[in-house]
Amino acid sequence: MMWGAGDRLCALAPGAAMIARGVARVNSGHQQLVYAVGGFLKPVHGMSLYGILVLPLLAWLLARADLSERRRTRIVALGAAG
């Protein structure tokens, strides 16, 4: 449960920062600057969102594998770590 909450927070924070910075720049009339200012947060936001999608798939696949619960848990934890 905690891994999922951490993943969502890691995806939400950069996304919210990009939106906040972008809205401030658009409101000040600098629409093209939005892409330059928030662009460095895109990889962090994207990787964490893909993590949210991949970890449940990994757990689902491992549930069908002939592995012990301890080993499956370690593999999912390794996947969550990076």
PDB file of N, CA and C in Angstrom:
ATOM      1  N   MET A   1       0.822  -1.187   0.000  1.00  0.00           N
ATOM      2  CA  MET A   1       0.000   0.000   0.000  1.00  0.00           C
ATOM      3  C   MET A   1       0.868   1.253   0.000  1.00  0.00           C
ATOM      4  N   MET A   2       1.945   1.280   0.768  1.00  0.00           N
ATOM      5  CA  MET A   2       2.776   2.471   0.854  1.00  0.00           C
ATOM      6  C   MET A   2       3.542   2.730  -0.441  1.00  0.00           C
ATOM      7  N   TRP A   3       3.943   1.651  -1.143  1.00  0.00           N
ATOM      8  CA  TRP A   3       4.649   1.856  -2.405  1.00  0.00           C
ATOM      9  C   TRP A   3       3.747   2.577  -3.388  1.00  0.00           C
ATOM     10  N   GLY A   4       2.495   2.164  -3.456  1.00  0.00           N
ATOM     11  CA  GLY A   4       1.555   2.785  -4.381  1.00  0.00           C
ATOM     12  C   GLY A   4       1.324   4.249  -4.065  1.00  0.00           C
ATOM     13  N   ALA A   5       1.200   4.574  -2.788  1.00  0.00           N
ATOM     14  CA  ALA A   5       0.991   5.967  -2.389  1.00  0.00           C
ATOM     15  C   ALA A   5       2.222   6.800  -2.736  1.00  0.00           C
ATOM     16  N   GLY A   6       3.396   6.261  -2.531  1.00  0.00           N
ATOM     17  CA  GLY A   6       4.625   6.974  -2.876  1.00  0.00           C
ATOM     18  C   GLY A   6       4.744   7.195  -4.366  1.00  0.00           C
ATOM     19  N   ASP A   7       4.380   6.189  -5.169  1.00  0.00           N
ATOM     20  CA  ASP A   7       4.423   6.330  -6.623  1.00  0.00           C
ATOM     21  C   ASP A   7       3.465   7.418  -7.097  1.00  0.00           C
ATOM     22  N   ARG A   8       2.265   7.402  -6.529  1.00  0.00           N
ATOM     23  CA  ARG A   8       1.294   8.418  -6.937  1.00  0.00           C
ATOM     24  C   ARG A   8       1.760   9.815  -6.551  1.00  0.00           C
ATOM     25  N   LEU A   9       2.363   9.939  -5.384  1.00  0.00           N
ATOM     26  CA  LEU A   9       2.861  11.241  -4.952  1.00  0.00           C
ATOM     27  C   LEU A   9       4.015  11.702  -5.847  1.00  0.00           C
ATOM     28  N   CYS A  10       4.891  10.771  -6.219  1.00  0.00           N
ATOM     29  CA  CYS A  10       6.006  11.118  -7.112  1.00  0.00           C
ATOM     30  C   CYS A  10       5.515  11.518  -8.494  1.00  0.00           C
ATOM     31  N   ALA A  11       4.388  10.996  -8.918  1.00  0.00           N
ATOM     32  CA  ALA A  11       3.822  11.381 -10.211  1.00  0.00           C
ATOM     33  C   ALA A  11       3.044  12.683 -10.102  1.00  0.00           C
ATOM     34  N   LEU A  12       2.375  12.868  -8.983  1.00  0.00           N
ATOM     35  CA  LEU A  12       1.529  14.043  -8.806  1.00  0.00           C
ATOM     36  C   LEU A  12       2.332  15.322  -8.608  1.00  0.00           C
ATOM     37  N   ALA A  13       3.361  15.288  -7.806  1.00  0.00           N
ATOM     38  CA  ALA A  13       4.106  16.503  -7.454  1.00  0.00           C
ATOM     39  C   ALA A  13       4.725  17.195  -8.682  1.00  0.00           C
ATOM     40  N   PRO A  14       5.469  16.478  -9.542  1.00  0.00           N
ATOM     41  CA  PRO A  14       6.016  17.165 -10.716  1.00  0.00           C
ATOM     42  C   PRO A  14       4.925  17.631 -11.678  1.00  0.00           C
ATOM     43  N   GLY A  15       3.859  16.850 -11.796  1.00  0.00           N
ATOM     44  CA  GLY A  15       2.751  17.258 -12.665  1.00  0.00           C
ATOM     45  C   GLY A  15       2.105  18.539 -12.164  1.00  0.00           C
ATOM     46  N   ALA A  16       1.880  18.614 -10.858  1.00  0.00           N
ATOM     47  CA  ALA A  16       1.292  19.819 -10.279  1.00  0.00           C
ATOM     48  C   ALA A  16       2.235  21.015 -10.436  1.00  0.00           C
ATOM     49  N   ALA A  17       3.530  20.780 -10.268  1.00  0.00           N
ATOM     50  CA  ALA A  17       4.504  21.865 -10.436  1.00  0.00           C
ATOM     51  C   ALA A  17       4.526  22.359 -11.879  1.00  0.00           C
ATOM     52  N   MET A  18       4.448  21.436 -12.838  1.00  0.00           N
ATOM     53  CA  MET A  18       4.423  21.848 -14.244  1.00  0.00           C
ATOM     54  C   MET A  18       3.174  22.678 -14.539  1.00  0.00           C
ATOM     55  N   ILE A  19       2.042  22.251 -14.005  1.00  0.00           N
ATOM     56  CA  ILE A  19       0.800  22.991 -14.232  1.00  0.00           C
ATOM     57  C   ILE A  19       0.872  24.372 -13.595  1.00  0.00           C
ATOM     58  N   ALA A  20       1.334  24.439 -12.357  1.00  0.00           N
ATOM     59  CA  ALA A  20       1.404  25.724 -11.657  1.00  0.00           C
ATOM     60  C   ALA A  20       2.336  26.697 -12.376  1.00  0.00           C
ATOM     61  N   ARG A  21       3.499  26.222 -12.764  1.00  0.00           N
ATOM     62  CA  ARG A  21       4.443  27.091 -13.485  1.00  0.00           C
ATOM     63  C   ARG A  21       3.893  27.482 -14.849  1.00  0.00           C
ATOM     64  N   GLY A  22       3.266  26.543 -15.509  1.00  0.00           N
ATOM     65  CA  GLY A  22       2.715  26.825 -16.831  1.00  0.00           C
ATOM     66  C   GLY A  22       1.599  27.843 -16.792  1.00  0.00           C
ATOM     67  N   VAL A  23       0.688  27.715 -15.841  1.00  0.00           N
ATOM     68  CA  VAL A  23      -0.423  28.663 -15.723  1.00  0.00           C
ATOM     69  C   VAL A  23       0.106  30.059 -15.423  1.00  0.00           C
ATOM     70  N   ALA A  24       1.095  30.140 -14.549  1.00  0.00           N
ATOM     71  CA  ALA A  24       1.671  31.451 -14.222  1.00  0.00           C
ATOM     72  C   ALA A  24       2.290  32.098 -15.456  1.00  0.00           C
ATOM     73  N   ARG A  25       2.985  31.317 -16.281  1.00  0.00           N
ATOM     74  CA  ARG A  25       3.621  31.864 -17.481  1.00  0.00           C
ATOM     75  C   ARG A  25       2.580  32.246 -18.542  1.00  0.00           C
ATOM     76  N   VAL A  26       1.555  31.430 -18.709  1.00  0.00           N
ATOM     77  CA  VAL A  26       0.512  31.742 -19.690  1.00  0.00           C
ATOM     78  C   VAL A  26      -0.234  33.004 -19.276  1.00  0.00           C
ATOM     79  N   ASN A  27      -0.543  33.117 -17.999  1.00  0.00           N
ATOM     80  CA  ASN A  27      -1.255  34.305 -17.527  1.00  0.00           C
ATOM     81  C   ASN A  27      -0.425  35.575 -17.684  1.00  0.00           C
ATOM     82  N   SER A  28       0.894  35.450 -17.681  1.00  0.00           N
ATOM     83  CA  SER A  28       1.747  36.620 -17.868  1.00  0.00           C
ATOM     84  C   SER A  28       2.050  36.876 -19.352  1.00  0.00           C
ATOM     85  N   GLY A  29       1.471  36.044 -20.245  1.00  0.00           N
ATOM     86  CA  GLY A  29       1.615  36.264 -21.673  1.00  0.00           C
ATOM     87  C   GLY A  29       2.806  35.585 -22.323  1.00  0.00           C
ATOM     88  N   HIS A  30       3.424  34.653 -21.651  1.00  0.00           N
ATOM     89  CA  HIS A  30       4.607  33.970 -22.187  1.00  0.00           C
ATOM     90  C   HIS A  30       4.297  32.489 -22.448  1.00  0.00           C
ATOM     91  N   GLN A  31       3.473  32.240 -23.441  1.00  0.00           N
ATOM     92  CA  GLN A  31       3.040  30.865 -23.695  1.00  0.00           C
ATOM     93  C   GLN A  31       4.175  29.957 -24.146  1.00  0.00           C
ATOM     94  N   GLN A  32       5.089  30.439 -24.948  1.00  0.00           N
ATOM     95  CA  GLN A  32       6.192  29.598 -25.419  1.00  0.00           C
ATOM     96  C   GLN A  32       7.169  29.255 -24.300  1.00  0.00           C
ATOM     97  N   LEU A  33       7.266  30.107 -23.309  1.00  0.00           N
ATOM     98  CA  LEU A  33       8.179  29.889 -22.191  1.00  0.00           C
ATOM     99  C   LEU A  33       7.734  28.714 -21.316  1.00  0.00           C
ATOM    100  N   VAL A  34       6.458  28.375 -21.391  1.00  0.00           N
ATOM    101  CA  VAL A  34       5.912  27.274 -20.581  1.00  0.00           C
ATOM    102  C   VAL A  34       6.672  25.977 -20.841  1.00  0.00           C
ATOM    103  N   TYR A  35       6.978  25.710 -22.090  1.00  0.00           N
ATOM    104  CA  TYR A  35       7.645  24.447 -22.439  1.00  0.00           C
ATOM    105  C   TYR A  35       9.087  24.414 -21.942  1.00  0.00           C
ATOM    106  N   ALA A  36       9.722  25.548 -21.907  1.00  0.00           N
ATOM    107  CA  ALA A  36      11.107  25.612 -21.432  1.00  0.00           C
ATOM    108  C   ALA A  36      11.175  25.513 -19.914  1.00  0.00           C
ATOM    109  N   VAL A  37      10.216  26.103 -19.222  1.00  0.00           N
ATOM    110  CA  VAL A  37      10.248  26.156 -17.761  1.00  0.00           C
ATOM    111  C   VAL A  37       9.872  24.816 -17.128  1.00  0.00           C
ATOM    112  N   GLY A  38       8.861  24.160 -17.644  1.00  0.00           N
ATOM    113  CA  GLY A  38       8.393  22.914 -17.036  1.00  0.00           C
ATOM    114  C   GLY A  38       8.958  21.663 -17.656  1.00  0.00           C
ATOM    115  N   GLY A  39       9.703  21.805 -18.738  1.00  0.00           N
ATOM    116  CA  GLY A  39      10.185  20.650 -19.473  1.00  0.00           C
ATOM    117  C   GLY A  39      11.101  19.728 -18.694  1.00  0.00           C
ATOM    118  N   PHE A  40      11.873  20.285 -17.764  1.00  0.00           N
ATOM    119  CA  PHE A  40      12.813  19.432 -17.028  1.00  0.00           C
ATOM    120  C   PHE A  40      12.102  18.488 -16.065  1.00  0.00           C
ATOM    121  N   LEU A  41      10.839  18.735 -15.759  1.00  0.00           N
ATOM    122  CA  LEU A  41      10.082  17.857 -14.864  1.00  0.00           C
ATOM    123  C   LEU A  41       9.400  16.701 -15.599  1.00  0.00           C
ATOM    124  N   LYS A  42       9.347  16.770 -16.919  1.00  0.00           N
ATOM    125  CA  LYS A  42       8.651  15.736 -17.682  1.00  0.00           C
ATOM    126  C   LYS A  42       9.193  14.326 -17.458  1.00  0.00           C
ATOM    127  N   PRO A  43      10.517  14.100 -17.462  1.00  0.00           N
ATOM    128  CA  PRO A  43      11.003  12.727 -17.254  1.00  0.00           C
ATOM    129  C   PRO A  43      10.601  12.138 -15.899  1.00  0.00           C
ATOM    130  N   VAL A  44      10.687  12.932 -14.850  1.00  0.00           N
ATOM    131  CA  VAL A  44      10.308  12.432 -13.519  1.00  0.00           C
ATOM    132  C   VAL A  44       8.827  12.096 -13.493  1.00  0.00           C
ATOM    133  N   HIS A  45       8.017  12.988 -14.032  1.00  0.00           N
ATOM    134  CA  HIS A  45       6.573  12.790 -14.071  1.00  0.00           C
ATOM    135  C   HIS A  45       6.232  11.551 -14.903  1.00  0.00           C
ATOM    136  N   GLY A  46       6.856  11.428 -16.060  1.00  0.00           N
ATOM    137  CA  GLY A  46       6.569  10.305 -16.946  1.00  0.00           C
ATOM    138  C   GLY A  46       7.004   8.964 -16.391  1.00  0.00           C
ATOM    139  N   MET A  47       8.207   8.906 -15.828  1.00  0.00           N
ATOM    140  CA  MET A  47       8.696   7.633 -15.290  1.00  0.00           C
ATOM    141  C   MET A  47       7.840   7.161 -14.120  1.00  0.00           C
ATOM    142  N   SER A  48       7.422   8.073 -13.276  1.00  0.00           N
ATOM    143  CA  SER A  48       6.601   7.664 -12.139  1.00  0.00           C
ATOM    144  C   SER A  48       5.216   7.222 -12.595  1.00  0.00           C
ATOM    145  N   LEU A  49       4.670   7.846 -13.624  1.00  0.00           N
ATOM    146  CA  LEU A  49       3.381   7.398 -14.139  1.00  0.00           C
ATOM    147  C   LEU A  49       3.481   6.011 -14.764  1.00  0.00           C
ATOM    148  N   TYR A  50       4.558   5.764 -15.496  1.00  0.00           N
ATOM    149  CA  TYR A  50       4.747   4.428 -16.055  1.00  0.00           C
ATOM    150  C   TYR A  50       4.941   3.394 -14.953  1.00  0.00           C
ATOM    151  N   GLY A  51       5.577   3.784 -13.859  1.00  0.00           N
ATOM    152  CA  GLY A  51       5.720   2.890 -12.716  1.00  0.00           C
ATOM    153  C   GLY A  51       4.384   2.474 -12.145  1.00  0.00           C
ATOM    154  N   ILE A  52       3.457   3.406 -12.103  1.00  0.00           N
ATOM    155  CA  ILE A  52       2.114   3.104 -11.600  1.00  0.00           C
ATOM    156  C   ILE A  52       1.440   2.074 -12.490  1.00  0.00           C
ATOM    157  N   LEU A  53       1.725   2.118 -13.774  1.00  0.00           N
ATOM    158  CA  LEU A  53       1.122   1.162 -14.704  1.00  0.00           C
ATOM    159  C   LEU A  53       1.839  -0.177 -14.713  1.00  0.00           C
ATOM    160  N   VAL A  54       3.156  -0.159 -14.570  1.00  0.00           N
ATOM    161  CA  VAL A  54       3.944  -1.380 -14.713  1.00  0.00           C
ATOM    162  C   VAL A  54       3.911  -2.262 -13.462  1.00  0.00           C
ATOM    163  N   LEU A  55       3.931  -1.662 -12.275  1.00  0.00           N
ATOM    164  CA  LEU A  55       3.985  -2.471 -11.046  1.00  0.00           C
ATOM    165  C   LEU A  55       2.776  -3.393 -10.874  1.00  0.00           C
ATOM    166  N   PRO A  56       1.553  -2.947 -11.096  1.00  0.00           N
ATOM    167  CA  PRO A  56       0.437  -3.900 -11.001  1.00  0.00           C
ATOM    168  C   PRO A  56       0.526  -5.016 -12.039  1.00  0.00           C
ATOM    169  N   LEU A  57       0.996  -4.687 -13.233  1.00  0.00           N
ATOM    170  CA  LEU A  57       1.176  -5.719 -14.253  1.00  0.00           C
ATOM    171  C   LEU A  57       2.225  -6.727 -13.813  1.00  0.00           C
ATOM    172  N   LEU A  58       3.322  -6.249 -13.259  1.00  0.00           N
ATOM    173  CA  LEU A  58       4.372  -7.139 -12.753  1.00  0.00           C
ATOM    174  C   LEU A  58       3.826  -8.044 -11.650  1.00  0.00           C
ATOM    175  N   ALA A  59       3.075  -7.473 -10.724  1.00  0.00           N
ATOM    176  CA  ALA A  59       2.499  -8.271  -9.637  1.00  0.00           C
ATOM    177  C   ALA A  59       1.513  -9.298 -10.181  1.00  0.00           C
ATOM    178  N   TRP A  60       0.723  -8.913 -11.172  1.00  0.00           N
ATOM    179  CA  TRP A  60      -0.245  -9.834 -11.759  1.00  0.00           C
ATOM    180  C   TRP A  60       0.469 -11.000 -12.443  1.00  0.00           C
ATOM    181  N   LEU A  61       1.521 -10.693 -13.189  1.00  0.00           N
ATOM    182  CA  LEU A  61       2.282 -11.753 -13.853  1.00  0.00           C
ATOM    183  C   LEU A  61       2.958 -12.673 -12.848  1.00  0.00           C
ATOM    184  N   LEU A  62       3.507 -12.091 -11.796  1.00  0.00           N
ATOM    185  CA  LEU A  62       4.177 -12.907 -10.782  1.00  0.00           C
ATOM    186  C   LEU A  62       3.204 -13.771  -9.999  1.00  0.00           C
ATOM    187  N   ALA A  63       1.967 -13.334  -9.865  1.00  0.00           N
ATOM    188  CA  ALA A  63       0.958 -14.141  -9.163  1.00  0.00           C
ATOM    189  C   ALA A  63       0.713 -15.453  -9.900  1.00  0.00           C
ATOM    190  N   ARG A  64       0.956 -15.459 -11.191  1.00  0.00           N
ATOM    191  CA  ARG A  64       0.759 -16.672 -11.985  1.00  0.00           C
ATOM    192  C   ARG A  64       2.035 -17.505 -12.121  1.00  0.00           C
ATOM    193  N   ALA A  65       3.128 -17.003 -11.598  1.00  0.00           N
ATOM    194  CA  ALA A  65       4.403 -17.714 -11.671  1.00  0.00           C
ATOM    195  C   ALA A  65       4.520 -18.697 -10.510  1.00  0.00           C
ATOM    196  N   ASP A  66       5.333 -19.698 -10.708  1.00  0.00           N
ATOM    197  CA  ASP A  66       5.538 -20.713  -9.672  1.00  0.00           C
ATOM    198  C   ASP A  66       6.708 -20.288  -8.782  1.00  0.00           C
ATOM    199  N   LEU A  67       6.485 -19.207  -8.019  1.00  0.00           N
ATOM    200  CA  LEU A  67       7.493 -18.674  -7.110  1.00  0.00           C
ATOM    201  C   LEU A  67       6.893 -18.525  -5.723  1.00  0.00           C
ATOM    202  N   SER A  68       7.761 -18.526  -4.737  1.00  0.00           N
ATOM    203  CA  SER A  68       7.266 -18.337  -3.372  1.00  0.00           C
ATOM    204  C   SER A  68       6.786 -16.888  -3.197  1.00  0.00           C
ATOM    205  N   GLU A  69       5.937 -16.684  -2.206  1.00  0.00           N
ATOM    206  CA  GLU A  69       5.426 -15.343  -1.922  1.00  0.00           C
ATOM    207  C   GLU A  69       6.561 -14.377  -1.590  1.00  0.00           C
ATOM    208  N   ARG A  70       7.524 -14.881  -0.837  1.00  0.00           N
ATOM    209  CA  ARG A  70       8.668 -14.039  -0.457  1.00  0.00           C
ATOM    210  C   ARG A  70       9.441 -13.580  -1.685  1.00  0.00           C
ATOM    211  N   ARG A  71       9.672 -14.482  -2.613  1.00  0.00           N
ATOM    212  CA  ARG A  71      10.417 -14.129  -3.829  1.00  0.00           C
ATOM    213  C   ARG A  71       9.624 -13.152  -4.700  1.00  0.00           C
ATOM    214  N   ARG A  72       8.318 -13.390  -4.831  1.00  0.00           N
ATOM    215  CA  ARG A  72       7.480 -12.463  -5.615  1.00  0.00           C
ATOM    216  C   ARG A  72       7.491 -11.070  -5.002  1.00  0.00           C
ATOM    217  N   THR A  73       7.412 -11.004  -3.679  1.00  0.00           N
ATOM    218  CA  THR A  73       7.432  -9.714  -2.988  1.00  0.00           C
ATOM    219  C   THR A  73       8.764  -8.990  -3.222  1.00  0.00           C
ATOM    220  N   ARG A  74       9.832  -9.730  -3.189  1.00  0.00           N
ATOM    221  CA  ARG A  74      11.154  -9.120  -3.442  1.00  0.00           C
ATOM    222  C   ARG A  74      11.256  -8.591  -4.880  1.00  0.00           C
ATOM    223  N   ILE A  75      10.723  -9.314  -5.820  1.00  0.00           N
ATOM    224  CA  ILE A  75      10.776  -8.879  -7.216  1.00  0.00           C
ATOM    225  C   ILE A  75       9.951  -7.610  -7.420  1.00  0.00           C
ATOM    226  N   VAL A  76       8.770  -7.556  -6.810  1.00  0.00           N
ATOM    227  CA  VAL A  76       7.952  -6.349  -6.916  1.00  0.00           C
ATOM    228  C   VAL A  76       8.644  -5.181  -6.222  1.00  0.00           C
ATOM    229  N   ALA A  77       9.249  -5.418  -5.070  1.00  0.00           N
ATOM    230  CA  ALA A  77       9.977  -4.351  -4.367  1.00  0.00           C
ATOM    231  C   ALA A  77      11.148  -3.864  -5.201  1.00  0.00           C
ATOM    232  N   LEU A  78      11.834  -4.777  -5.863  1.00  0.00           N
ATOM    233  CA  LEU A  78      12.931  -4.395  -6.745  1.00  0.00           C
ATOM    234  C   LEU A  78      12.415  -3.551  -7.912  1.00  0.00           C
ATOM    235  N   GLY A  79      11.285  -3.945  -8.458  1.00  0.00           N
ATOM    236  CA  GLY A  79      10.669  -3.167  -9.534  1.00  0.00           C
ATOM    237  C   GLY A  79      10.255  -1.773  -9.055  1.00  0.00           C
ATOM    238  N   ALA A  80       9.770  -1.677  -7.837  1.00  0.00           N
ATOM    239  CA  ALA A  80       9.373  -0.379  -7.281  1.00  0.00           C
ATOM    240  C   ALA A  80      10.577   0.507  -7.008  1.00  0.00           C
ATOM    241  N   ALA A  81      11.695  -0.111  -6.674  1.00  0.00           N
ATOM    242  CA  ALA A  81      12.906   0.658  -6.374  1.00  0.00           C
ATOM    243  C   ALA A  81      13.532   1.245  -7.636  1.00  0.00           C
ATOM    244  N   GLY A  82      13.226   0.668  -8.764  1.00  0.00           N
ATOM    245  CA  GLY A  82      13.776   1.292  -9.964  1.00  0.00           C
ATOM    246  C   GLY A  82      14.192   0.314 -10.979  1.00  0.00           C
TER     247      GLY A  82
END
